[in-house]
Amino acid sequence: MPYYIYRVTPLGPVRQLAKISQFEVFKEASNEAKRLRRETDLAPGELIKTIFAENELQAEELLNEPRGEDPMTGEEY
């Protein structure tokens, strides 16, 4: 399965996703994402994300899923 790199831009309650590139090897995808984060002027709230998925559709579905709550630490129990 490939690794996809996306630019994620929040637009109100939805996210605009723009595919930047695709890699077969994690290390290459990770290095490219790090380079993009360093060298790209991102607007406030914009992110560069790497996602592992079977295809672009699944990658975009995963990126649009709401994140779960943060895990509780021992002090919060």
PDB file of N, CA and C in Angstrom:
ATOM      1  N   MET A   1       0.850  -1.179   0.000  1.00  0.00           N
ATOM      2  CA  MET A   1       0.000   0.000   0.000  1.00  0.00           C
ATOM      3  C   MET A   1       0.896   1.244   0.000  1.00  0.00           C
ATOM      4  N   PRO A   2       0.473   2.253  -0.707  1.00  0.00           N
ATOM      5  CA  PRO A   2       1.293   3.467  -0.789  1.00  0.00           C
ATOM      6  C   PRO A   2       1.065   4.433   0.374  1.00  0.00           C
ATOM      7  N   TYR A   3       1.998   5.341   0.505  1.00  0.00           N
ATOM      8  CA  TYR A   3       1.921   6.456   1.448  1.00  0.00           C
ATOM      9  C   TYR A   3       1.605   7.702   0.636  1.00  0.00           C
ATOM     10  N   TYR A   4       0.606   8.445   1.072  1.00  0.00           N
ATOM     11  CA  TYR A   4       0.183   9.657   0.377  1.00  0.00           C
ATOM     12  C   TYR A   4       0.539  10.869   1.224  1.00  0.00           C
ATOM     13  N   ILE A   5       0.899  11.952   0.555  1.00  0.00           N
ATOM     14  CA  ILE A   5       1.141  13.220   1.241  1.00  0.00           C
ATOM     15  C   ILE A   5       0.087  14.204   0.760  1.00  0.00           C
ATOM     16  N   TYR A   6      -0.596  14.824   1.724  1.00  0.00           N
ATOM     17  CA  TYR A   6      -1.673  15.771   1.436  1.00  0.00           C
ATOM     18  C   TYR A   6      -1.420  17.096   2.140  1.00  0.00           C
ATOM     19  N   ARG A   7      -1.887  18.157   1.507  1.00  0.00           N
ATOM     20  CA  ARG A   7      -1.998  19.462   2.167  1.00  0.00           C
ATOM     21  C   ARG A   7      -3.434  19.534   2.670  1.00  0.00           C
ATOM     22  N   VAL A   8      -3.602  19.750   3.963  1.00  0.00           N
ATOM     23  CA  VAL A   8      -4.924  19.788   4.587  1.00  0.00           C
ATOM     24  C   VAL A   8      -5.209  21.230   5.013  1.00  0.00           C
ATOM     25  N   THR A   9      -6.289  21.781   4.455  1.00  0.00           N
ATOM     26  CA  THR A   9      -6.685  23.153   4.762  1.00  0.00           C
ATOM     27  C   THR A   9      -8.075  23.140   5.387  1.00  0.00           C
ATOM     28  N   PRO A  10      -8.210  23.588   6.637  1.00  0.00           N
ATOM     29  CA  PRO A  10      -9.543  23.626   7.251  1.00  0.00           C
ATOM     30  C   PRO A  10     -10.371  24.767   6.658  1.00  0.00           C
ATOM     31  N   LEU A  11     -11.581  24.432   6.238  1.00  0.00           N
ATOM     32  CA  LEU A  11     -12.527  25.425   5.726  1.00  0.00           C
ATOM     33  C   LEU A  11     -13.811  25.288   6.526  1.00  0.00           C
ATOM     34  N   GLY A  12     -13.859  25.935   7.669  1.00  0.00           N
ATOM     35  CA  GLY A  12     -15.014  25.780   8.550  1.00  0.00           C
ATOM     36  C   GLY A  12     -15.050  24.359   9.082  1.00  0.00           C
ATOM     37  N   PRO A  13     -16.210  23.695   8.978  1.00  0.00           N
ATOM     38  CA  PRO A  13     -16.328  22.341   9.520  1.00  0.00           C
ATOM     39  C   PRO A  13     -15.741  21.254   8.609  1.00  0.00           C
ATOM     40  N   VAL A  14     -15.331  21.603   7.389  1.00  0.00           N
ATOM     41  CA  VAL A  14     -14.780  20.607   6.461  1.00  0.00           C
ATOM     42  C   VAL A  14     -13.308  20.888   6.210  1.00  0.00           C
ATOM     43  N   ARG A  15     -12.640  19.906   5.640  1.00  0.00           N
ATOM     44  CA  ARG A  15     -11.227  20.048   5.297  1.00  0.00           C
ATOM     45  C   ARG A  15     -11.065  19.947   3.790  1.00  0.00           C
ATOM     46  N   GLN A  16     -10.297  20.853   3.227  1.00  0.00           N
ATOM     47  CA  GLN A  16      -9.945  20.755   1.813  1.00  0.00           C
ATOM     48  C   GLN A  16      -8.661  19.944   1.744  1.00  0.00           C
ATOM     49  N   LEU A  17      -8.670  18.887   0.933  1.00  0.00           N
ATOM     50  CA  LEU A  17      -7.519  18.005   0.812  1.00  0.00           C
ATOM     51  C   LEU A  17      -6.926  18.136  -0.579  1.00  0.00           C
ATOM     52  N   ALA A  18      -5.620  18.347  -0.646  1.00  0.00           N
ATOM     53  CA  ALA A  18      -4.931  18.438  -1.930  1.00  0.00           C
ATOM     54  C   ALA A  18      -3.779  17.440  -1.915  1.00  0.00           C
ATOM     55  N   LYS A  19      -3.875  16.416  -2.766  1.00  0.00           N
ATOM     56  CA  LYS A  19      -2.814  15.415  -2.828  1.00  0.00           C
ATOM     57  C   LYS A  19      -1.571  16.056  -3.430  1.00  0.00           C
ATOM     58  N   ILE A  20      -0.444  15.860  -2.765  1.00  0.00           N
ATOM     59  CA  ILE A  20       0.821  16.406  -3.238  1.00  0.00           C
ATOM     60  C   ILE A  20       1.632  15.328  -3.936  1.00  0.00           C
ATOM     61  N   SER A  21       1.765  14.160  -3.290  1.00  0.00           N
ATOM     62  CA  SER A  21       2.561  13.088  -3.888  1.00  0.00           C
ATOM     63  C   SER A  21       2.223  11.749  -3.248  1.00  0.00           C
ATOM     64  N   GLN A  22       2.873  10.718  -3.771  1.00  0.00           N
ATOM     65  CA  GLN A  22       2.619   9.343  -3.345  1.00  0.00           C
ATOM     66  C   GLN A  22       3.942   8.593  -3.384  1.00  0.00           C
ATOM     67  N   PHE A  23       4.179   7.739  -2.379  1.00  0.00           N
ATOM     68  CA  PHE A  23       5.415   6.971  -2.279  1.00  0.00           C
ATOM     69  C   PHE A  23       5.093   5.543  -1.872  1.00  0.00           C
ATOM     70  N   GLU A  24       5.947   4.625  -2.265  1.00  0.00           N
ATOM     71  CA  GLU A  24       5.796   3.223  -1.877  1.00  0.00           C
ATOM     72  C   GLU A  24       6.563   2.906  -0.594  1.00  0.00           C
ATOM     73  N   VAL A  25       7.531   3.745  -0.246  1.00  0.00           N
ATOM     74  CA  VAL A  25       8.393   3.496   0.912  1.00  0.00           C
ATOM     75  C   VAL A  25       8.178   4.603   1.946  1.00  0.00           C
ATOM     76  N   PHE A  26       7.974   4.200   3.212  1.00  0.00           N
ATOM     77  CA  PHE A  26       7.683   5.178   4.264  1.00  0.00           C
ATOM     78  C   PHE A  26       8.788   6.205   4.425  1.00  0.00           C
ATOM     79  N   LYS A  27      10.033   5.775   4.430  1.00  0.00           N
ATOM     80  CA  LYS A  27      11.146   6.703   4.670  1.00  0.00           C
ATOM     81  C   LYS A  27      11.151   7.826   3.640  1.00  0.00           C
ATOM     82  N   GLU A  28      10.904   7.499   2.379  1.00  0.00           N
ATOM     83  CA  GLU A  28      10.861   8.524   1.332  1.00  0.00           C
ATOM     84  C   GLU A  28       9.692   9.481   1.567  1.00  0.00           C
ATOM     85  N   ALA A  29       8.525   8.933   1.913  1.00  0.00           N
ATOM     86  CA  ALA A  29       7.347   9.767   2.179  1.00  0.00           C
ATOM     87  C   ALA A  29       7.596  10.670   3.384  1.00  0.00           C
ATOM     88  N   SER A  30       8.177  10.123   4.424  1.00  0.00           N
ATOM     89  CA  SER A  30       8.452  10.886   5.633  1.00  0.00           C
ATOM     90  C   SER A  30       9.430  12.022   5.355  1.00  0.00           C
ATOM     91  N   ASN A  31      10.503  11.723   4.628  1.00  0.00           N
ATOM     92  CA  ASN A  31      11.492  12.756   4.306  1.00  0.00           C
ATOM     93  C   ASN A  31      10.879  13.870   3.468  1.00  0.00           C
ATOM     94  N   GLU A  32      10.047  13.515   2.503  1.00  0.00           N
ATOM     95  CA  GLU A  32       9.405  14.520   1.657  1.00  0.00           C
ATOM     96  C   GLU A  32       8.431  15.373   2.471  1.00  0.00           C
ATOM     97  N   ALA A  33       7.657  14.751   3.348  1.00  0.00           N
ATOM     98  CA  ALA A  33       6.720  15.509   4.185  1.00  0.00           C
ATOM     99  C   ALA A  33       7.476  16.483   5.089  1.00  0.00           C
ATOM    100  N   LYS A  34       8.573  16.043   5.671  1.00  0.00           N
ATOM    101  CA  LYS A  34       9.375  16.923   6.526  1.00  0.00           C
ATOM    102  C   LYS A  34       9.946  18.088   5.721  1.00  0.00           C
ATOM    103  N   ARG A  35      10.419  17.810   4.511  1.00  0.00           N
ATOM    104  CA  ARG A  35      10.953  18.867   3.653  1.00  0.00           C
ATOM    105  C   ARG A  35       9.861  19.881   3.323  1.00  0.00           C
ATOM    106  N   LEU A  36       8.674  19.382   2.963  1.00  0.00           N
ATOM    107  CA  LEU A  36       7.562  20.274   2.633  1.00  0.00           C
ATOM    108  C   LEU A  36       7.161  21.139   3.826  1.00  0.00           C
ATOM    109  N   ARG A  37       7.142  20.557   5.011  1.00  0.00           N
ATOM    110  CA  ARG A  37       6.783  21.329   6.207  1.00  0.00           C
ATOM    111  C   ARG A  37       7.792  22.448   6.461  1.00  0.00           C
ATOM    112  N   ARG A  38       9.074  22.165   6.189  1.00  0.00           N
ATOM    113  CA  ARG A  38      10.124  23.167   6.383  1.00  0.00           C
ATOM    114  C   ARG A  38      10.075  24.272   5.332  1.00  0.00           C
ATOM    115  N   GLU A  39       9.855  23.891   4.071  1.00  0.00           N
ATOM    116  CA  GLU A  39      10.047  24.815   2.956  1.00  0.00           C
ATOM    117  C   GLU A  39       8.772  25.462   2.428  1.00  0.00           C
ATOM    118  N   THR A  40       7.610  25.001   2.839  1.00  0.00           N
ATOM    119  CA  THR A  40       6.354  25.529   2.320  1.00  0.00           C
ATOM    120  C   THR A  40       5.781  26.554   3.287  1.00  0.00           C
ATOM    121  N   ASP A  41       5.328  27.670   2.740  1.00  0.00           N
ATOM    122  CA  ASP A  41       4.626  28.659   3.565  1.00  0.00           C
ATOM    123  C   ASP A  41       3.189  28.191   3.740  1.00  0.00           C
ATOM    124  N   LEU A  42       2.869  27.740   4.929  1.00  0.00           N
ATOM    125  CA  LEU A  42       1.525  27.243   5.215  1.00  0.00           C
ATOM    126  C   LEU A  42       0.710  28.327   5.910  1.00  0.00           C
ATOM    127  N   ALA A  43      -0.541  28.440   5.518  1.00  0.00           N
ATOM    128  CA  ALA A  43      -1.453  29.372   6.175  1.00  0.00           C
ATOM    129  C   ALA A  43      -1.759  28.844   7.582  1.00  0.00           C
ATOM    130  N   PRO A  44      -2.221  29.702   8.477  1.00  0.00           N
ATOM    131  CA  PRO A  44      -2.595  29.234   9.818  1.00  0.00           C
ATOM    132  C   PRO A  44      -3.626  28.099   9.733  1.00  0.00           C
ATOM    133  N   GLY A  45      -3.353  27.013  10.429  1.00  0.00           N
ATOM    134  CA  GLY A  45      -4.260  25.866  10.431  1.00  0.00           C
ATOM    135  C   GLY A  45      -3.969  24.851   9.342  1.00  0.00           C
ATOM    136  N   GLU A  46      -3.177  25.217   8.333  1.00  0.00           N
ATOM    137  CA  GLU A  46      -2.850  24.277   7.257  1.00  0.00           C
ATOM    138  C   GLU A  46      -1.818  23.269   7.744  1.00  0.00           C
ATOM    139  N   LEU A  47      -1.932  22.045   7.251  1.00  0.00           N
ATOM    140  CA  LEU A  47      -1.022  20.973   7.645  1.00  0.00           C
ATOM    141  C   LEU A  47      -0.543  20.205   6.427  1.00  0.00           C
ATOM    142  N   ILE A  48       0.628  19.600   6.545  1.00  0.00           N
ATOM    143  CA  ILE A  48       1.102  18.605   5.590  1.00  0.00           C
ATOM    144  C   ILE A  48       0.995  17.277   6.321  1.00  0.00           C
ATOM    145  N   LYS A  49       0.219  16.341   5.773  1.00  0.00           N
ATOM    146  CA  LYS A  49      -0.027  15.060   6.440  1.00  0.00           C
ATOM    147  C   LYS A  49       0.412  13.906   5.546  1.00  0.00           C
ATOM    148  N   THR A  50       0.968  12.877   6.158  1.00  0.00           N
ATOM    149  CA  THR A  50       1.302  11.630   5.480  1.00  0.00           C
ATOM    150  C   THR A  50       0.304  10.583   5.955  1.00  0.00           C
ATOM    151  N   ILE A  51      -0.238   9.805   5.009  1.00  0.00           N
ATOM    152  CA  ILE A  51      -1.249   8.798   5.355  1.00  0.00           C
ATOM    153  C   ILE A  51      -0.979   7.521   4.570  1.00  0.00           C
ATOM    154  N   PHE A  52      -1.132   6.384   5.226  1.00  0.00           N
ATOM    155  CA  PHE A  52      -0.940   5.061   4.630  1.00  0.00           C
ATOM    156  C   PHE A  52      -2.316   4.509   4.298  1.00  0.00           C
ATOM    157  N   ALA A  53      -2.565   4.226   3.014  1.00  0.00           N
ATOM    158  CA  ALA A  53      -3.899   3.763   2.615  1.00  0.00           C
ATOM    159  C   ALA A  53      -3.813   2.932   1.341  1.00  0.00           C
ATOM    160  N   GLU A  54      -4.874   2.159   1.090  1.00  0.00           N
ATOM    161  CA  GLU A  54      -4.926   1.322  -0.107  1.00  0.00           C
ATOM    162  C   GLU A  54      -5.021   2.146  -1.381  1.00  0.00           C
ATOM    163  N   ASN A  55      -5.742   3.274  -1.308  1.00  0.00           N
ATOM    164  CA  ASN A  55      -5.919   4.125  -2.488  1.00  0.00           C
ATOM    165  C   ASN A  55      -6.219   5.550  -2.027  1.00  0.00           C
ATOM    166  N   GLU A  56      -6.333   6.466  -3.002  1.00  0.00           N
ATOM    167  CA  GLU A  56      -6.578   7.871  -2.668  1.00  0.00           C
ATOM    168  C   GLU A  56      -7.910   8.072  -1.947  1.00  0.00           C
ATOM    169  N   LEU A  57      -8.924   7.335  -2.356  1.00  0.00           N
ATOM    170  CA  LEU A  57     -10.236   7.470  -1.722  1.00  0.00           C
ATOM    171  C   LEU A  57     -10.154   7.126  -0.237  1.00  0.00           C
ATOM    172  N   GLN A  58      -9.518   6.004   0.078  1.00  0.00           N
ATOM    173  CA  GLN A  58      -9.383   5.620   1.484  1.00  0.00           C
ATOM    174  C   GLN A  58      -8.533   6.642   2.247  1.00  0.00           C
ATOM    175  N   ALA A  59      -7.480   7.142   1.615  1.00  0.00           N
ATOM    176  CA  ALA A  59      -6.632   8.146   2.263  1.00  0.00           C
ATOM    177  C   ALA A  59      -7.448   9.378   2.632  1.00  0.00           C
ATOM    178  N   GLU A  60      -8.280   9.842   1.702  1.00  0.00           N
ATOM    179  CA  GLU A  60      -9.085  11.038   1.965  1.00  0.00           C
ATOM    180  C   GLU A  60     -10.162  10.773   3.013  1.00  0.00           C
ATOM    181  N   GLU A  61     -10.723   9.572   3.016  1.00  0.00           N
ATOM    182  CA  GLU A  61     -11.703   9.229   4.054  1.00  0.00           C
ATOM    183  C   GLU A  61     -11.045   9.233   5.432  1.00  0.00           C
ATOM    184  N   LEU A  62      -9.844   8.657   5.522  1.00  0.00           N
ATOM    185  CA  LEU A  62      -9.136   8.621   6.802  1.00  0.00           C
ATOM    186  C   LEU A  62      -8.770  10.024   7.277  1.00  0.00           C
ATOM    187  N   LEU A  63      -8.352  10.882   6.353  1.00  0.00           N
ATOM    188  CA  LEU A  63      -7.988  12.249   6.729  1.00  0.00           C
ATOM    189  C   LEU A  63      -9.196  13.067   7.173  1.00  0.00           C
ATOM    190  N   ASN A  64     -10.377  12.710   6.696  1.00  0.00           N
ATOM    191  CA  ASN A  64     -11.589  13.447   7.056  1.00  0.00           C
ATOM    192  C   ASN A  64     -12.279  12.900   8.298  1.00  0.00           C
ATOM    193  N   GLU A  65     -11.852  11.745   8.801  1.00  0.00           N
ATOM    194  CA  GLU A  65     -12.457  11.186  10.014  1.00  0.00           C
ATOM    195  C   GLU A  65     -12.123  12.068  11.209  1.00  0.00           C
ATOM    196  N   PRO A  66     -13.105  12.331  12.061  1.00  0.00           N
ATOM    197  CA  PRO A  66     -12.797  13.106  13.273  1.00  0.00           C
ATOM    198  C   PRO A  66     -11.899  12.283  14.191  1.00  0.00           C
ATOM    199  N   ARG A  67     -10.970  12.945  14.816  1.00  0.00           N
ATOM    200  CA  ARG A  67     -10.067  12.265  15.744  1.00  0.00           C
ATOM    201  C   ARG A  67     -10.800  11.978  17.036  1.00  0.00           C
ATOM    202  N   GLY A  68     -10.433  10.876  17.676  1.00  0.00           N
ATOM    203  CA  GLY A  68     -11.021  10.536  18.967  1.00  0.00           C
ATOM    204  C   GLY A  68     -10.497  11.459  20.047  1.00  0.00           C
ATOM    205  N   GLU A  69     -11.052  11.325  21.225  1.00  0.00           N
ATOM    206  CA  GLU A  69     -10.599  12.134  22.353  1.00  0.00           C
ATOM    207  C   GLU A  69      -9.176  11.747  22.717  1.00  0.00           C
ATOM    208  N   ASP A  70      -8.444  12.694  23.309  1.00  0.00           N
ATOM    209  CA  ASP A  70      -7.100  12.406  23.776  1.00  0.00           C
ATOM    210  C   ASP A  70      -7.174  11.354  24.873  1.00  0.00           C
ATOM    211  N   PRO A  71      -6.192  10.447  24.925  1.00  0.00           N
ATOM    212  CA  PRO A  71      -6.210   9.435  25.987  1.00  0.00           C
ATOM    213  C   PRO A  71      -6.045  10.094  27.356  1.00  0.00           C
ATOM    214  N   MET A  72      -6.652   9.468  28.347  1.00  0.00           N
ATOM    215  CA  MET A  72      -6.571   9.998  29.706  1.00  0.00           C
ATOM    216  C   MET A  72      -5.251   9.586  30.331  1.00  0.00           C
ATOM    217  N   THR A  73      -4.642  10.500  31.061  1.00  0.00           N
ATOM    218  CA  THR A  73      -3.419  10.168  31.777  1.00  0.00           C
ATOM    219  C   THR A  73      -3.789   9.691  33.175  1.00  0.00           C
ATOM    220  N   GLY A  74      -2.827   9.203  33.894  1.00  0.00           N
ATOM    221  CA  GLY A  74      -3.078   8.690  35.233  1.00  0.00           C
ATOM    222  C   GLY A  74      -3.677   9.717  36.175  1.00  0.00           C
ATOM    223  N   GLU A  75      -3.346  10.992  35.970  1.00  0.00           N
ATOM    224  CA  GLU A  75      -3.856  12.042  36.852  1.00  0.00           C
ATOM    225  C   GLU A  75      -5.328  12.338  36.593  1.00  0.00           C
ATOM    226  N   GLU A  76      -5.842  11.955  35.433  1.00  0.00           N
ATOM    227  CA  GLU A  76      -7.218  12.281  35.078  1.00  0.00           C
ATOM    228  C   GLU A  76      -8.220  11.200  35.471  1.00  0.00           C
ATOM    229  N   TYR A  77      -7.744  10.063  35.971  1.00  0.00           N
ATOM    230  CA  TYR A  77      -8.658   8.984  36.334  1.00  0.00           C
ATOM    231  C   TYR A  77      -9.413   9.297  37.582  1.00  0.00           C
TER     232      TYR A  77
END
